[in-house]
Each structure stands twice: as structure tokens, then as C-alpha cells.
Amino acid sequence: MKGTVKQRGNTWTYIMDIVRDPITGKRRQKTKGGFSRKKDAQAALRKIQSELDEDRFIEPSKESFSSYMEFWFTSHYQKRIKETTASSRKYLMDKHLIRENPFANKPLSKITTEDIDAFYNLKLDEEYSTSTIRKLHQLLNQAFGQAVKWKKISFNPVINADPPSVKKEEMKIWSFDEIESFLNQCKGERHYLTFLLAIYTGMRKGELLGLKWSDIDFGKKSIRIQRSLSHIPIKDIVYQRRKRKNQNGKSRFLISLSRN
């Protein structure tokens, strides 16, 4: 790679040919000035030449963080996760990382670990749960990690960031008397059977809403969970096949309704 050092006024500047544009064929150059001594400019030039020779040189991206995030999410991230997960992560990204983020419009290459930590503290001050902040941390880490792989930045600032630990709240469950009181109050209501099944089978909301009559075997008093109903804003309602397995590798789809 060609490079040269020139004097401009009282300071020295290096000029380095990086690569040629694959479309226009024009040379791309990196220039940096302000060196008080010629040998300092020459040392900086040699460093750039060494990085280029060893394929370590990265020209910092000038695109904004928000622009990069939208591109990364649609072109890469959402193609590798379930539709329901993509929908919830898209909401988190749009709300917290783009609309309500102090560094949303900052160049991607200028974002620091300090910026990331300040963002986490902002969300804590706004009283968002530690679980939500950890999800944002995971999104940021994956996005910046990919930016490093794509050679848009040289370092992932999220690696040294300090997200809050998830605070687990003790689960409060109803007593048998409370369950009986609730079901007595619901008798005659439209969703009584839904509540009854939820309490006595442990099925999730999506699994309950995804049930069909063909899933119920009245003779064997059992329910086979075949699908889950999810809501995705763009597609409205989507059925998803269940894929959960137990420790033995067998599908855990059957729930017995028999009483002892």
C-alpha cells in the first residue's frame, strides 16, 4: 500500500492509499495531520501500513447507531430467531434503543462503554425492570459484535459494560381456598373453562388459546398440546407448532385430566 508524509505549514500529515472503490475504481485514502514532527507522522503511517498488511485495519463507520441497528435487525438478526421473539425484540429496539436512547443518532464508531453504562442507568432511573435492561444488553452485545465481524468498528463497547443483575421476585401462588373462591366467582362467565384448564393443567396462555376440539380425547381424559397461538402485529394471529421435549428427548405434549 502506498503512503506518504507531507509538511503542511508547521505540522506534518500522512496520506495512505487504503483500497480502490470496487464500483468507481477511485482510490480511497486515509489522511491524518497535526503531527508536530515528521517522524511522528511516519510512525503513524507505518502503523496503518502494518494493520493493512495483517488485515487488521478498520476504517470506522460513519453511519449512525439507529441506522445500523435497523439494518442489522432486518437483514441479519430477525432471520435467525422465531417470529414471536423477533416481534418482541423489535418493540424493545424501536422504543428503547432508537426512540428513547441518548446516543441513537451518534456515529456507531463513536459509542463508548461509558455511553452504554449511562444508558443502563437511565433505564434504571426510569424504573424499567432489570430483566428488560438485560434483554437490551443482549441486543446491544449481539449488534455490536456483528459490527465488529463486519469490520464497521474495531471493538465491541458492550463487552466491558456493566448491566444490572436480574432481580428475581418471589412467586406468589394462590392457596386451594383462593383457587376455589376464584372459580366460584367465575362460574357462568365466558372464560370459566379457560381459567379452569389453566389452573389444573398448567398450560400457558398461548397453548390454551391454540387448543382445538381434536386435541381432546374424552375417552382417555387427556389433552394433546399441538400448537400455540401467538400475536404478531404485522401478521395478527399466528399458530406455532410446539417443539418442547422432556429430559428423555420425547415430546411433552400430553396432559392427563384424570383425577386420583
Protein backbone atom coordinates (compact mmCIF):
# COMPACT_ATOMS: atom_id res chain seq x y z
CA MET A 1 0.00 0.00 0.00
CA LYS A 2 1.32 3.42 -0.94
CA GLY A 3 1.72 6.13 1.66
CA THR A 4 3.49 9.43 2.01
CA VAL A 5 4.21 12.13 4.58
CA LYS A 6 3.89 15.82 3.72
CA GLN A 7 4.51 19.04 5.56
CA ARG A 8 1.59 21.43 5.76
CA GLY A 9 2.53 24.66 7.44
CA ASN A 10 4.16 23.88 10.75
CA THR A 11 2.77 20.34 11.03
CA TRP A 12 3.10 17.01 9.25
CA THR A 13 0.40 14.90 7.61
CA TYR A 14 0.36 11.31 6.38
CA ILE A 15 -1.66 10.20 3.36
CA MET A 16 -2.32 6.49 2.86
CA ASP A 17 -3.99 4.68 -0.05
CA ILE A 18 -6.41 2.19 1.52
CA VAL A 19 -8.23 0.36 -1.28
CA ARG A 20 -9.91 1.18 -4.56
CA ASP A 21 -13.68 1.51 -4.70
CA PRO A 22 -14.91 -1.71 -6.41
CA ILE A 23 -17.53 0.25 -8.40
CA THR A 24 -15.84 3.53 -9.36
CA GLY A 25 -12.25 2.33 -9.28
CA LYS A 26 -11.26 5.51 -7.46
CA ARG A 27 -8.62 5.42 -4.75
CA ARG A 28 -9.74 5.65 -1.14
CA GLN A 29 -7.31 7.40 1.17
CA LYS A 30 -6.84 7.87 4.87
CA THR A 31 -5.35 11.20 5.88
CA LYS A 32 -4.35 12.43 9.30
CA GLY A 33 -2.47 15.60 10.14
CA GLY A 34 -1.42 17.74 13.05
CA PHE A 35 1.82 15.89 13.84
CA SER A 36 4.42 18.30 15.20
CA ARG A 37 7.34 16.14 13.99
CA LYS A 38 7.89 14.32 10.72
CA LYS A 39 8.98 11.13 12.46
CA ASP A 40 5.70 11.01 14.42
CA ALA A 41 3.73 11.15 11.18
CA GLN A 42 5.97 8.46 9.70
CA ALA A 43 5.45 6.22 12.76
CA ALA A 44 1.68 6.60 12.48
CA LEU A 45 1.85 5.80 8.77
CA ARG A 46 3.88 2.63 9.42
CA LYS A 47 1.29 1.54 11.97
CA ILE A 48 -1.50 1.89 9.39
CA GLN A 49 0.58 0.04 6.79
CA SER A 50 1.19 -2.81 9.25
CA GLU A 51 -2.52 -3.09 10.06
CA LEU A 52 -3.35 -3.19 6.35
CA ASP A 53 -0.71 -5.86 5.66
CA GLU A 54 -2.08 -8.02 8.51
CA ASP A 55 -5.73 -7.33 7.58
CA ARG A 56 -6.29 -5.61 10.94
CA PHE A 57 -7.11 -2.16 9.67
CA ILE A 58 -10.68 -1.00 10.17
CA GLU A 59 -11.98 2.26 8.84
CA PRO A 60 -14.52 3.44 11.46
CA SER A 61 -18.11 3.52 10.23
CA LYS A 62 -19.73 6.94 9.92
CA GLU A 63 -23.32 5.64 9.97
CA SER A 64 -25.50 6.43 12.96
CA PHE A 65 -26.27 3.88 15.63
CA SER A 66 -30.01 3.88 14.87
CA SER A 67 -29.43 3.40 11.14
CA TYR A 68 -27.10 0.48 11.80
CA MET A 69 -29.49 -1.13 14.29
CA GLU A 70 -32.38 -1.10 11.83
CA PHE A 71 -30.20 -2.60 9.10
CA TRP A 72 -28.71 -5.25 11.43
CA PHE A 73 -32.12 -6.25 12.77
CA THR A 74 -33.91 -6.66 9.43
CA SER A 75 -31.04 -8.07 7.36
CA HIS A 76 -29.48 -10.37 9.95
CA TYR A 77 -30.95 -10.80 13.42
CA GLN A 78 -34.65 -11.43 12.75
CA LYS A 79 -33.84 -14.12 10.19
CA ARG A 80 -32.27 -16.25 12.92
CA ILE A 81 -34.98 -16.19 15.59
CA LYS A 82 -38.66 -17.12 15.91
CA GLU A 83 -41.28 -14.70 14.64
CA THR A 84 -42.70 -14.15 18.12
CA THR A 85 -39.25 -13.40 19.55
CA ALA A 86 -38.48 -11.06 16.64
CA SER A 87 -41.72 -9.17 17.27
CA SER A 88 -40.98 -8.57 20.96
CA ARG A 89 -37.32 -7.68 20.31
CA LYS A 90 -38.35 -5.25 17.54
CA TYR A 91 -40.60 -3.44 20.03
CA LEU A 92 -37.75 -3.22 22.56
CA MET A 93 -35.34 -1.93 19.93
CA ASP A 94 -37.70 0.70 18.49
CA LYS A 95 -38.77 2.03 21.88
CA HIS A 96 -35.59 1.91 23.94
CA LEU A 97 -32.65 1.80 21.53
CA ILE A 98 -33.95 4.19 18.89
CA ARG A 99 -36.72 6.49 20.18
CA GLU A 100 -35.63 6.78 23.83
CA ASN A 101 -31.85 6.49 23.57
CA PRO A 102 -29.43 9.43 24.11
CA PHE A 103 -26.88 8.02 21.65
CA ALA A 104 -29.36 6.91 18.96
CA ASN A 105 -28.03 9.44 16.44
CA LYS A 106 -24.39 9.17 17.45
CA PRO A 107 -21.98 7.57 14.93
CA LEU A 108 -21.68 3.85 15.58
CA SER A 109 -17.89 4.06 15.84
CA LYS A 110 -18.06 6.82 18.49
CA ILE A 111 -20.17 4.95 21.04
CA THR A 112 -18.24 4.05 24.19
CA THR A 113 -18.67 1.70 27.13
CA GLU A 114 -19.44 4.80 29.20
CA ASP A 115 -22.35 5.58 26.86
CA ILE A 116 -23.70 2.04 27.31
CA ASP A 117 -23.45 2.15 31.11
CA ALA A 118 -25.12 5.58 31.21
CA PHE A 119 -27.95 4.12 29.09
CA TYR A 120 -28.47 1.27 31.58
CA ASN A 121 -28.53 3.74 34.48
CA LEU A 122 -31.09 5.87 32.60
CA LYS A 123 -33.38 2.87 32.25
CA LEU A 124 -32.96 2.03 35.93
CA ASP A 125 -33.90 5.63 36.82
CA GLU A 126 -36.97 5.27 34.60
CA GLU A 127 -37.85 2.21 36.72
CA TYR A 128 -37.70 -0.39 34.00
CA SER A 129 -37.16 -3.92 35.28
CA THR A 130 -33.68 -5.41 35.42
CA SER A 131 -34.98 -8.20 33.18
CA THR A 132 -35.86 -5.65 30.45
CA ILE A 133 -32.45 -4.00 30.75
CA ARG A 134 -30.69 -7.37 30.44
CA LYS A 135 -32.62 -8.05 27.22
CA LEU A 136 -31.49 -4.67 25.89
CA HIS A 137 -27.93 -5.56 26.91
CA GLN A 138 -28.14 -8.82 24.95
CA LEU A 139 -29.45 -6.99 21.88
CA LEU A 140 -26.66 -4.41 22.07
CA ASN A 141 -23.99 -7.04 22.57
CA GLN A 142 -25.14 -9.04 19.56
CA ALA A 143 -25.49 -5.93 17.37
CA PHE A 144 -22.06 -4.52 18.22
CA GLY A 145 -20.49 -7.97 18.00
CA GLN A 146 -21.77 -8.29 14.45
CA ALA A 147 -20.50 -4.79 13.65
CA VAL A 148 -17.01 -5.98 14.64
CA LYS A 149 -17.35 -9.03 12.37
CA TRP A 150 -18.47 -6.77 9.52
CA LYS A 151 -15.45 -4.53 10.24
CA LYS A 152 -17.55 -1.46 10.88
CA ILE A 153 -15.86 -0.99 14.27
CA SER A 154 -12.73 -2.41 15.85
CA PHE A 155 -14.08 -3.11 19.34
CA ASN A 156 -17.39 -4.05 20.95
CA PRO A 157 -18.03 -1.44 23.71
CA VAL A 158 -20.72 -3.62 25.31
CA ILE A 159 -18.17 -6.26 26.40
CA ASN A 160 -16.95 -4.13 29.32
CA ALA A 161 -20.36 -2.62 30.14
CA ASP A 162 -21.99 -3.39 33.48
CA PRO A 163 -25.70 -4.26 33.15
CA PRO A 164 -27.69 -4.78 36.36
CA SER A 165 -28.24 -8.28 37.68
CA VAL A 166 -31.74 -9.62 37.25
CA LYS A 167 -33.74 -9.31 40.45
CA LYS A 168 -36.00 -12.31 40.82
CA GLU A 169 -39.20 -11.66 42.68
CA GLU A 170 -40.63 -14.45 44.79
CA MET A 171 -43.55 -16.07 43.01
CA LYS A 172 -46.83 -15.78 44.88
CA ILE A 173 -49.27 -18.62 44.33
CA TRP A 174 -52.87 -18.99 45.44
CA SER A 175 -53.95 -21.34 48.16
CA PHE A 176 -56.59 -24.00 47.42
CA ASP A 177 -59.19 -21.84 49.16
CA GLU A 178 -58.28 -18.86 46.96
CA ILE A 179 -58.49 -21.01 43.82
CA GLU A 180 -61.90 -22.34 44.84
CA SER A 181 -63.15 -18.83 45.62
CA PHE A 182 -61.92 -17.53 42.25
CA LEU A 183 -63.54 -20.35 40.27
CA ASN A 184 -66.82 -19.94 42.17
CA GLN A 185 -66.82 -16.25 41.22
CA CYS A 186 -66.16 -17.14 37.58
CA LYS A 187 -68.89 -19.74 37.17
CA GLY A 188 -71.16 -18.78 34.33
CA GLU A 189 -68.54 -16.46 32.86
CA ARG A 190 -67.41 -16.90 29.24
CA HIS A 191 -63.84 -17.82 30.14
CA TYR A 192 -64.58 -20.09 33.10
CA LEU A 193 -63.39 -23.22 31.28
CA THR A 194 -60.21 -21.43 30.17
CA PHE A 195 -59.39 -20.48 33.76
CA LEU A 196 -60.18 -24.00 34.96
CA LEU A 197 -57.84 -25.58 32.42
CA ALA A 198 -55.07 -23.06 33.16
CA ILE A 199 -55.20 -23.77 36.89
CA TYR A 200 -55.44 -27.56 36.74
CA THR A 201 -53.16 -28.29 33.75
CA GLY A 202 -50.51 -25.56 33.95
CA MET A 203 -50.83 -24.80 30.25
CA ARG A 204 -49.60 -21.42 29.07
CA LYS A 205 -51.88 -18.78 27.59
CA GLY A 206 -50.77 -19.45 24.01
CA GLU A 207 -51.24 -23.21 24.45
CA LEU A 208 -54.74 -22.74 25.85
CA LEU A 209 -55.76 -20.42 23.04
CA GLY A 210 -54.30 -22.80 20.47
CA LEU A 211 -56.43 -25.78 21.53
CA LYS A 212 -58.83 -27.43 19.10
CA TRP A 213 -61.55 -29.98 19.84
CA SER A 214 -59.50 -32.61 18.01
CA ASP A 215 -56.75 -32.19 20.66
CA ILE A 216 -59.04 -33.52 23.40
CA ASP A 217 -59.51 -37.25 23.97
CA PHE A 218 -62.55 -37.53 26.21
CA GLY A 219 -62.22 -41.32 26.37
CA LYS A 220 -58.67 -41.22 27.73
CA LYS A 221 -59.30 -37.94 29.58
CA SER A 222 -56.26 -36.26 28.07
CA ILE A 223 -55.27 -33.18 26.08
CA ARG A 224 -52.53 -33.18 23.48
CA ILE A 225 -50.77 -29.82 23.05
CA GLN A 226 -50.11 -29.49 19.33
CA ARG A 227 -49.68 -25.74 18.84
CA SER A 228 -49.51 -22.33 20.49
CA LEU A 229 -51.36 -19.18 19.45
CA SER A 230 -49.28 -16.02 19.25
CA HIS A 231 -49.97 -12.43 18.29
CA ILE A 232 -47.59 -10.76 15.85
CA PRO A 233 -48.58 -7.16 14.97
CA ILE A 234 -47.82 -7.45 11.24
CA LYS A 235 -49.46 -10.86 10.77
CA ASP A 236 -52.02 -10.54 13.58
CA ILE A 237 -52.52 -14.11 14.88
CA VAL A 238 -50.12 -16.97 14.17
CA TYR A 239 -50.24 -20.65 15.13
CA GLN A 240 -46.90 -22.24 16.01
CA ARG A 241 -46.20 -25.93 16.35
CA ARG A 242 -44.91 -26.95 19.75
CA LYS A 243 -41.37 -28.36 19.92
CA ARG A 244 -40.73 -28.78 23.63
CA LYS A 245 -39.14 -32.01 24.77
CA ASN A 246 -38.54 -33.57 28.14
CA GLN A 247 -35.20 -34.74 29.55
CA ASN A 248 -35.50 -38.07 27.72
CA GLY A 249 -35.84 -36.32 24.38
CA LYS A 250 -39.50 -37.22 23.97
CA SER A 251 -42.19 -34.70 23.13
CA ARG A 252 -44.00 -33.46 26.24
CA PHE A 253 -47.35 -32.78 24.61
CA LEU A 254 -49.78 -34.96 26.61
CA ILE A 255 -51.66 -33.74 29.69
CA SER A 256 -53.83 -36.15 31.64
CA LEU A 257 -57.11 -34.90 33.03
CA SER A 258 -57.70 -37.94 35.26
CA ARG A 259 -58.18 -37.33 38.97
CA ASN A 260 -56.85 -39.61 41.67
